[in-house]
Amino acid sequence: MSQPSAPATSATERKVPTRRISFEESLHDVPRHFAADGDLILSHLAAALSSVFPDGEDFFVRSVRHYRDRITDPELKQQVAGFIGQEAVHGREHRALNARLAQLGYPTLFFERLTRRGLALRERVAPPIANLAATAALEHFTATFAQLLLSNDDARELFGHDEVRNLFLWHALEESEHKAVAFDVYKAVGGSERMRVWTMKALTYGFILGTAFEVVVSLARDGAAFRPGRLRASWRRFRRSPIMQAHLWHQLRDYNRPDFHPDDNDTTELVARWRGELFGADGTLTDKLATAAA
């Protein structure tokens, strides 16, 4: 892979607004298999990802907040405040989605408990800097998938149901807005390159295996997965989906480069476009906002 150019977005240009938004009321009509064409695997994959977000986001907040008092750069301190605000709202809204999916038979609440217990154990045995390294690495995961969702029409269509898609679009926008904050905090407090890279390598395997486990368990509880040919057709569709593009996985591995920074991959125009489409004067999600802070 060729070396990227210098970051196009500096820390002083990055805005991380906290938007007070609510999807709960609009999620009441989400159907059992909400993904495009009622797809099985994609519905269960979205549910599995949503189930780890609430407690995962809480973990990210605690990991960054631990070092908040050691940040001297006023711009980064302001971005940390925005990061904490955004992640707190993400957790709340995914809990609302998970509650609806649990009503439909998904084991989202069970996976929430597993995630909470696993992260609590990690925090008991791992030092704070290791948890911050994990947060920075996982933020690269979310930012990479967020960019795919914001830039690829086919990826957006996979979500099927409008309100599920809208929730993930809003989440993707904010992940793109704060994609460098945890990384910059990690570097500012003296986190090592060795820990940064090895944490990402370990979490890559853990993320893939953990997500696959959740999807398999979730599918095993769904009677539709045992109807002749349905699961096989879903698997063929999944293998052709944007999620399986080689470019996506190359972008994830780019994190392991010694001189990597999240802003090497410039998403400034993409963020500006979706800020306007979702929250501009005629934005599709402005009606869900209670307040907005710049």
Protein backbone atom coordinates (compact mmCIF):
# COMPACT_ATOMS: atom_id res chain seq x y z
CA MET A 1 0.00 0.00 0.00
CA SER A 2 1.29 3.44 -0.90
CA GLN A 3 2.03 5.87 1.87
CA PRO A 4 -0.79 8.37 2.42
CA SER A 5 -0.31 12.09 2.35
CA ALA A 6 -0.20 14.17 5.49
CA PRO A 7 -3.45 14.49 7.42
CA ALA A 8 -5.82 16.91 5.76
CA THR A 9 -7.71 17.70 8.96
CA SER A 10 -5.85 19.19 11.89
CA ALA A 11 -6.96 18.87 15.50
CA THR A 12 -7.87 22.54 15.51
CA GLU A 13 -10.31 22.03 12.59
CA ARG A 14 -12.12 19.00 14.04
CA LYS A 15 -15.59 19.71 15.45
CA VAL A 16 -17.23 17.11 17.69
CA PRO A 17 -20.78 18.28 18.45
CA THR A 18 -23.05 16.49 20.90
CA ARG A 19 -26.51 16.05 19.38
CA ARG A 20 -29.40 15.22 21.68
CA ILE A 21 -31.39 12.88 19.48
CA SER A 22 -33.97 10.16 20.03
CA PHE A 23 -34.96 7.25 17.80
CA GLU A 24 -36.92 5.29 20.40
CA GLU A 25 -40.41 6.19 19.22
CA SER A 26 -39.62 5.51 15.57
CA LEU A 27 -38.19 2.05 16.31
CA HIS A 28 -41.51 0.57 17.47
CA ASP A 29 -42.37 -0.66 13.98
CA VAL A 30 -39.05 -2.36 13.18
CA PRO A 31 -39.94 -5.83 11.81
CA ARG A 32 -38.30 -9.15 12.72
CA HIS A 33 -36.04 -9.37 9.66
CA PHE A 34 -35.47 -5.70 8.98
CA ALA A 35 -32.48 -5.88 6.59
CA ALA A 36 -32.92 -5.49 2.85
CA ASP A 37 -35.27 -8.13 1.40
CA GLY A 38 -35.68 -9.62 4.87
CA ASP A 39 -32.11 -10.92 4.76
CA LEU A 40 -31.25 -13.23 7.66
CA ILE A 41 -27.52 -12.79 8.15
CA LEU A 42 -27.55 -9.03 7.68
CA SER A 43 -30.41 -8.61 10.16
CA HIS A 44 -28.63 -10.72 12.77
CA LEU A 45 -25.27 -9.03 12.07
CA ALA A 46 -26.73 -5.55 12.61
CA ALA A 47 -28.39 -6.77 15.81
CA ALA A 48 -25.14 -8.32 17.05
CA LEU A 49 -23.21 -5.10 16.43
CA SER A 50 -25.88 -3.01 18.11
CA SER A 51 -25.85 -5.27 21.16
CA VAL A 52 -22.19 -4.51 21.96
CA PHE A 53 -22.41 -0.76 21.38
CA PRO A 54 -24.03 0.44 24.64
CA ASP A 55 -21.49 -1.04 27.04
CA GLY A 56 -18.69 -0.71 24.51
CA GLU A 57 -19.36 3.03 24.23
CA ASP A 58 -19.43 3.31 28.05
CA PHE A 59 -16.04 1.59 28.13
CA PHE A 60 -14.65 4.04 25.57
CA VAL A 61 -15.87 6.98 27.64
CA ARG A 62 -14.28 5.64 30.83
CA SER A 63 -11.00 4.90 29.04
CA VAL A 64 -10.69 8.42 27.63
CA ARG A 65 -12.09 10.18 30.71
CA HIS A 66 -9.39 8.54 32.87
CA TYR A 67 -6.78 10.72 31.11
CA ARG A 68 -8.88 13.85 30.72
CA ASP A 69 -6.97 15.79 33.39
CA ARG A 70 -3.65 15.07 31.66
CA ILE A 71 -4.68 16.76 28.40
CA THR A 72 -3.18 20.25 28.14
CA ASP A 73 -4.16 21.12 24.56
CA PRO A 74 -7.40 23.15 24.86
CA GLU A 75 -8.63 21.99 21.43
CA LEU A 76 -8.16 18.34 22.34
CA LYS A 77 -9.85 18.90 25.71
CA GLN A 78 -12.86 20.32 23.88
CA GLN A 79 -12.90 17.35 21.50
CA VAL A 80 -12.75 14.94 24.44
CA ALA A 81 -15.84 16.60 25.88
CA GLY A 82 -17.60 16.16 22.54
CA PHE A 83 -16.41 12.56 22.27
CA ILE A 84 -17.85 11.74 25.70
CA GLY A 85 -21.14 13.43 24.84
CA GLN A 86 -21.49 11.66 21.50
CA GLU A 87 -20.62 8.22 22.85
CA ALA A 88 -23.06 8.58 25.75
CA VAL A 89 -25.92 9.29 23.34
CA HIS A 90 -24.84 6.41 21.07
CA GLY A 91 -25.10 4.00 23.98
CA ARG A 92 -28.56 5.25 24.94
CA GLU A 93 -29.99 5.01 21.42
CA HIS A 94 -28.57 1.54 20.77
CA ARG A 95 -30.11 0.39 24.04
CA ALA A 96 -33.45 1.53 22.64
CA LEU A 97 -32.85 -0.43 19.43
CA ASN A 98 -31.68 -3.46 21.40
CA ALA A 99 -34.83 -3.39 23.52
CA ARG A 100 -36.97 -3.45 20.37
CA LEU A 101 -34.89 -6.25 18.84
CA ALA A 102 -35.21 -8.25 22.07
CA GLN A 103 -39.00 -7.97 21.73
CA LEU A 104 -38.60 -9.52 18.28
CA GLY A 105 -36.62 -12.48 19.63
CA TYR A 106 -33.01 -11.37 19.17
CA PRO A 107 -30.65 -12.15 22.11
CA THR A 108 -29.47 -8.53 22.23
CA LEU A 109 -29.95 -8.09 25.98
CA PHE A 110 -28.02 -11.31 26.66
CA PHE A 111 -25.14 -10.03 24.51
CA GLU A 112 -25.29 -6.69 26.30
CA ARG A 113 -24.73 -8.49 29.62
CA LEU A 114 -21.86 -10.54 28.17
CA THR A 115 -20.21 -7.39 26.86
CA ARG A 116 -20.65 -5.58 30.19
CA ARG A 117 -19.11 -8.43 32.18
CA GLY A 118 -16.25 -8.93 29.75
CA LEU A 119 -15.30 -5.27 29.80
CA ALA A 120 -15.59 -5.11 33.59
CA LEU A 121 -13.15 -8.01 33.81
CA ARG A 122 -10.77 -6.30 31.38
CA GLU A 123 -10.81 -3.11 33.43
CA ARG A 124 -9.96 -5.06 36.58
CA VAL A 125 -6.90 -6.75 35.09
CA ALA A 126 -5.61 -4.34 32.42
CA PRO A 127 -3.90 -0.99 33.11
CA PRO A 128 -5.70 2.18 32.00
CA ILE A 129 -3.26 2.80 29.14
CA ALA A 130 -4.07 -0.64 27.68
CA ASN A 131 -7.78 0.16 27.82
CA LEU A 132 -7.11 3.45 26.06
CA ALA A 133 -5.12 1.57 23.40
CA ALA A 134 -8.10 -0.76 22.94
CA THR A 135 -10.43 2.22 22.63
CA ALA A 136 -8.24 3.84 19.97
CA ALA A 137 -8.08 0.58 18.01
CA LEU A 138 -11.81 -0.09 18.18
CA GLU A 139 -12.52 3.50 17.20
CA HIS A 140 -10.60 2.74 14.00
CA PHE A 141 -12.92 -0.21 13.42
CA THR A 142 -16.02 1.93 13.86
CA ALA A 143 -14.60 4.77 11.75
CA THR A 144 -13.72 2.37 8.93
CA PHE A 145 -17.18 0.83 8.84
CA ALA A 146 -18.70 4.30 9.22
CA GLN A 147 -16.86 5.53 6.13
CA LEU A 148 -18.12 2.53 4.16
CA LEU A 149 -21.69 3.27 5.20
CA LEU A 150 -21.47 6.99 4.43
CA SER A 151 -19.77 6.55 1.07
CA ASN A 152 -21.41 3.43 -0.39
CA ASP A 153 -25.04 3.36 -1.55
CA ASP A 154 -25.14 -0.44 -1.54
CA ALA A 155 -23.92 -0.58 2.06
CA ARG A 156 -26.69 1.78 3.18
CA GLU A 157 -29.31 -0.27 1.37
CA LEU A 158 -28.32 -3.36 3.36
CA PHE A 159 -30.09 -2.03 6.46
CA GLY A 160 -33.49 -2.20 4.79
CA HIS A 161 -35.72 -0.54 7.38
CA ASP A 162 -35.50 3.25 7.20
CA GLU A 163 -35.25 3.92 10.93
CA VAL A 164 -32.56 1.29 11.55
CA ARG A 165 -30.61 2.77 8.63
CA ASN A 166 -31.09 6.30 10.00
CA LEU A 167 -29.79 5.30 13.43
CA PHE A 168 -26.68 3.71 11.96
CA LEU A 169 -26.17 6.68 9.60
CA TRP A 170 -26.25 9.14 12.51
CA HIS A 171 -23.88 6.90 14.45
CA ALA A 172 -21.56 6.64 11.44
CA LEU A 173 -21.45 10.41 11.01
CA GLU A 174 -20.45 10.97 14.63
CA GLU A 175 -17.88 8.16 14.56
CA SER A 176 -16.32 9.96 11.60
CA GLU A 177 -16.40 13.28 13.44
CA HIS A 178 -14.53 11.95 16.49
CA LYS A 179 -12.47 9.22 14.83
CA ALA A 180 -9.11 10.66 15.96
CA VAL A 181 -9.95 11.76 19.51
CA ALA A 182 -9.08 8.57 21.43
CA PHE A 183 -5.99 8.12 19.24
CA ASP A 184 -4.81 11.67 19.94
CA VAL A 185 -5.36 11.23 23.68
CA TYR A 186 -3.39 7.97 23.59
CA LYS A 187 -0.46 9.69 21.87
CA ALA A 188 -0.69 12.77 24.11
CA VAL A 189 -0.34 10.72 27.31
CA GLY A 190 2.65 8.75 26.01
CA GLY A 191 1.10 5.51 24.77
CA SER A 192 3.67 3.34 23.01
CA GLU A 193 3.64 2.32 19.35
CA ARG A 194 4.24 -1.29 20.31
CA MET A 195 1.14 -1.44 22.50
CA ARG A 196 -0.92 0.43 19.93
CA VAL A 197 -0.11 -1.97 17.09
CA TRP A 198 -0.26 -5.21 19.06
CA THR A 199 -3.56 -4.20 20.62
CA MET A 200 -5.04 -3.71 17.17
CA LYS A 201 -3.72 -7.06 15.95
CA ALA A 202 -5.26 -8.89 18.91
CA LEU A 203 -8.55 -7.03 18.70
CA THR A 204 -8.90 -7.72 14.97
CA TYR A 205 -9.12 -11.45 15.65
CA GLY A 206 -11.21 -10.92 18.74
CA PHE A 207 -13.68 -8.66 16.94
CA ILE A 208 -14.17 -11.04 14.01
CA LEU A 209 -14.50 -14.16 16.15
CA GLY A 210 -16.71 -12.46 18.73
CA THR A 211 -19.06 -11.04 16.11
CA ALA A 212 -19.24 -14.36 14.26
CA PHE A 213 -20.09 -16.13 17.53
CA GLU A 214 -22.91 -13.70 18.27
CA VAL A 215 -24.37 -14.00 14.77
CA VAL A 216 -24.30 -17.81 14.90
CA VAL A 217 -25.95 -17.92 18.34
CA SER A 218 -28.56 -15.41 17.21
CA LEU A 219 -29.31 -17.32 14.00
CA ALA A 220 -29.61 -20.60 15.92
CA ARG A 221 -32.56 -19.10 17.82
CA ASP A 222 -34.35 -18.03 14.62
CA GLY A 223 -36.65 -20.60 13.06
CA ALA A 224 -36.37 -18.86 9.70
CA ALA A 225 -32.71 -19.93 9.49
CA PHE A 226 -33.82 -23.56 9.25
CA ARG A 227 -36.11 -23.10 6.27
CA PRO A 228 -34.62 -24.87 3.21
CA GLY A 229 -32.31 -22.67 1.19
CA ARG A 230 -32.90 -19.42 3.05
CA LEU A 231 -29.68 -19.34 5.05
CA ARG A 232 -27.63 -20.47 2.05
CA ALA A 233 -29.07 -17.68 -0.10
CA SER A 234 -28.35 -15.18 2.67
CA TRP A 235 -24.74 -16.35 2.91
CA ARG A 236 -24.23 -15.94 -0.84
CA ARG A 237 -25.62 -12.41 -0.64
CA PHE A 238 -23.41 -11.59 2.34
CA ARG A 239 -20.25 -12.74 0.55
CA ARG A 240 -21.03 -10.31 -2.28
CA SER A 241 -21.83 -7.42 0.06
CA PRO A 242 -19.64 -4.30 0.52
CA ILE A 243 -18.71 -5.59 4.00
CA MET A 244 -16.59 -8.28 2.37
CA GLN A 245 -14.64 -5.95 0.07
CA ALA A 246 -10.88 -6.40 0.29
CA HIS A 247 -10.41 -2.62 0.40
CA LEU A 248 -12.28 -2.42 3.70
CA TRP A 249 -9.97 -4.90 5.39
CA HIS A 250 -6.86 -3.25 3.93
CA GLN A 251 -8.07 0.01 5.44
CA LEU A 252 -8.45 -1.66 8.84
CA ARG A 253 -4.90 -3.04 8.66
CA ASP A 254 -3.54 0.40 7.79
CA TYR A 255 -3.76 1.13 11.53
CA ASN A 256 -0.65 -1.05 12.01
CA ARG A 257 1.53 1.36 9.99
CA PRO A 258 4.21 2.97 12.23
CA ASP A 259 3.30 6.53 11.16
CA PHE A 260 -0.46 6.01 11.05
CA HIS A 261 -2.93 8.70 12.07
CA PRO A 262 -6.74 8.48 11.63
CA ASP A 263 -6.78 11.74 9.66
CA ASP A 264 -4.47 10.25 7.01
CA ASN A 265 -7.71 9.06 5.43
CA ASP A 266 -9.42 12.37 4.75
CA THR A 267 -13.19 12.23 5.29
CA THR A 268 -13.72 16.00 5.63
CA GLU A 269 -15.97 16.31 2.58
CA LEU A 270 -17.88 13.15 3.47
CA VAL A 271 -18.59 14.46 6.98
CA ALA A 272 -19.65 17.86 5.63
CA ARG A 273 -22.02 16.22 3.15
CA TRP A 274 -23.75 14.07 5.76
CA ARG A 275 -23.93 16.86 8.35
CA GLY A 276 -25.97 18.74 5.77
CA GLU A 277 -28.08 15.78 4.66
CA LEU A 278 -28.92 14.66 8.19
CA PHE A 279 -28.87 17.87 10.24
CA GLY A 280 -28.94 20.80 7.82
CA ALA A 281 -31.89 23.17 7.42
CA ASP A 282 -33.80 20.45 5.58
CA GLY A 283 -31.97 17.52 7.17
CA THR A 284 -33.74 14.19 7.35
CA LEU A 285 -33.06 13.78 11.07
CA THR A 286 -33.49 17.32 12.38
CA ASP A 287 -36.96 16.45 13.64
CA LYS A 288 -35.40 13.92 16.04
CA LEU A 289 -33.16 16.50 17.69
CA ALA A 290 -33.95 17.92 21.10
CA THR A 291 -30.92 20.22 21.22
CA ALA A 292 -27.70 20.54 19.26
CA ALA A 293 -24.37 21.86 20.44
CA ALA A 294 -21.60 22.99 18.11
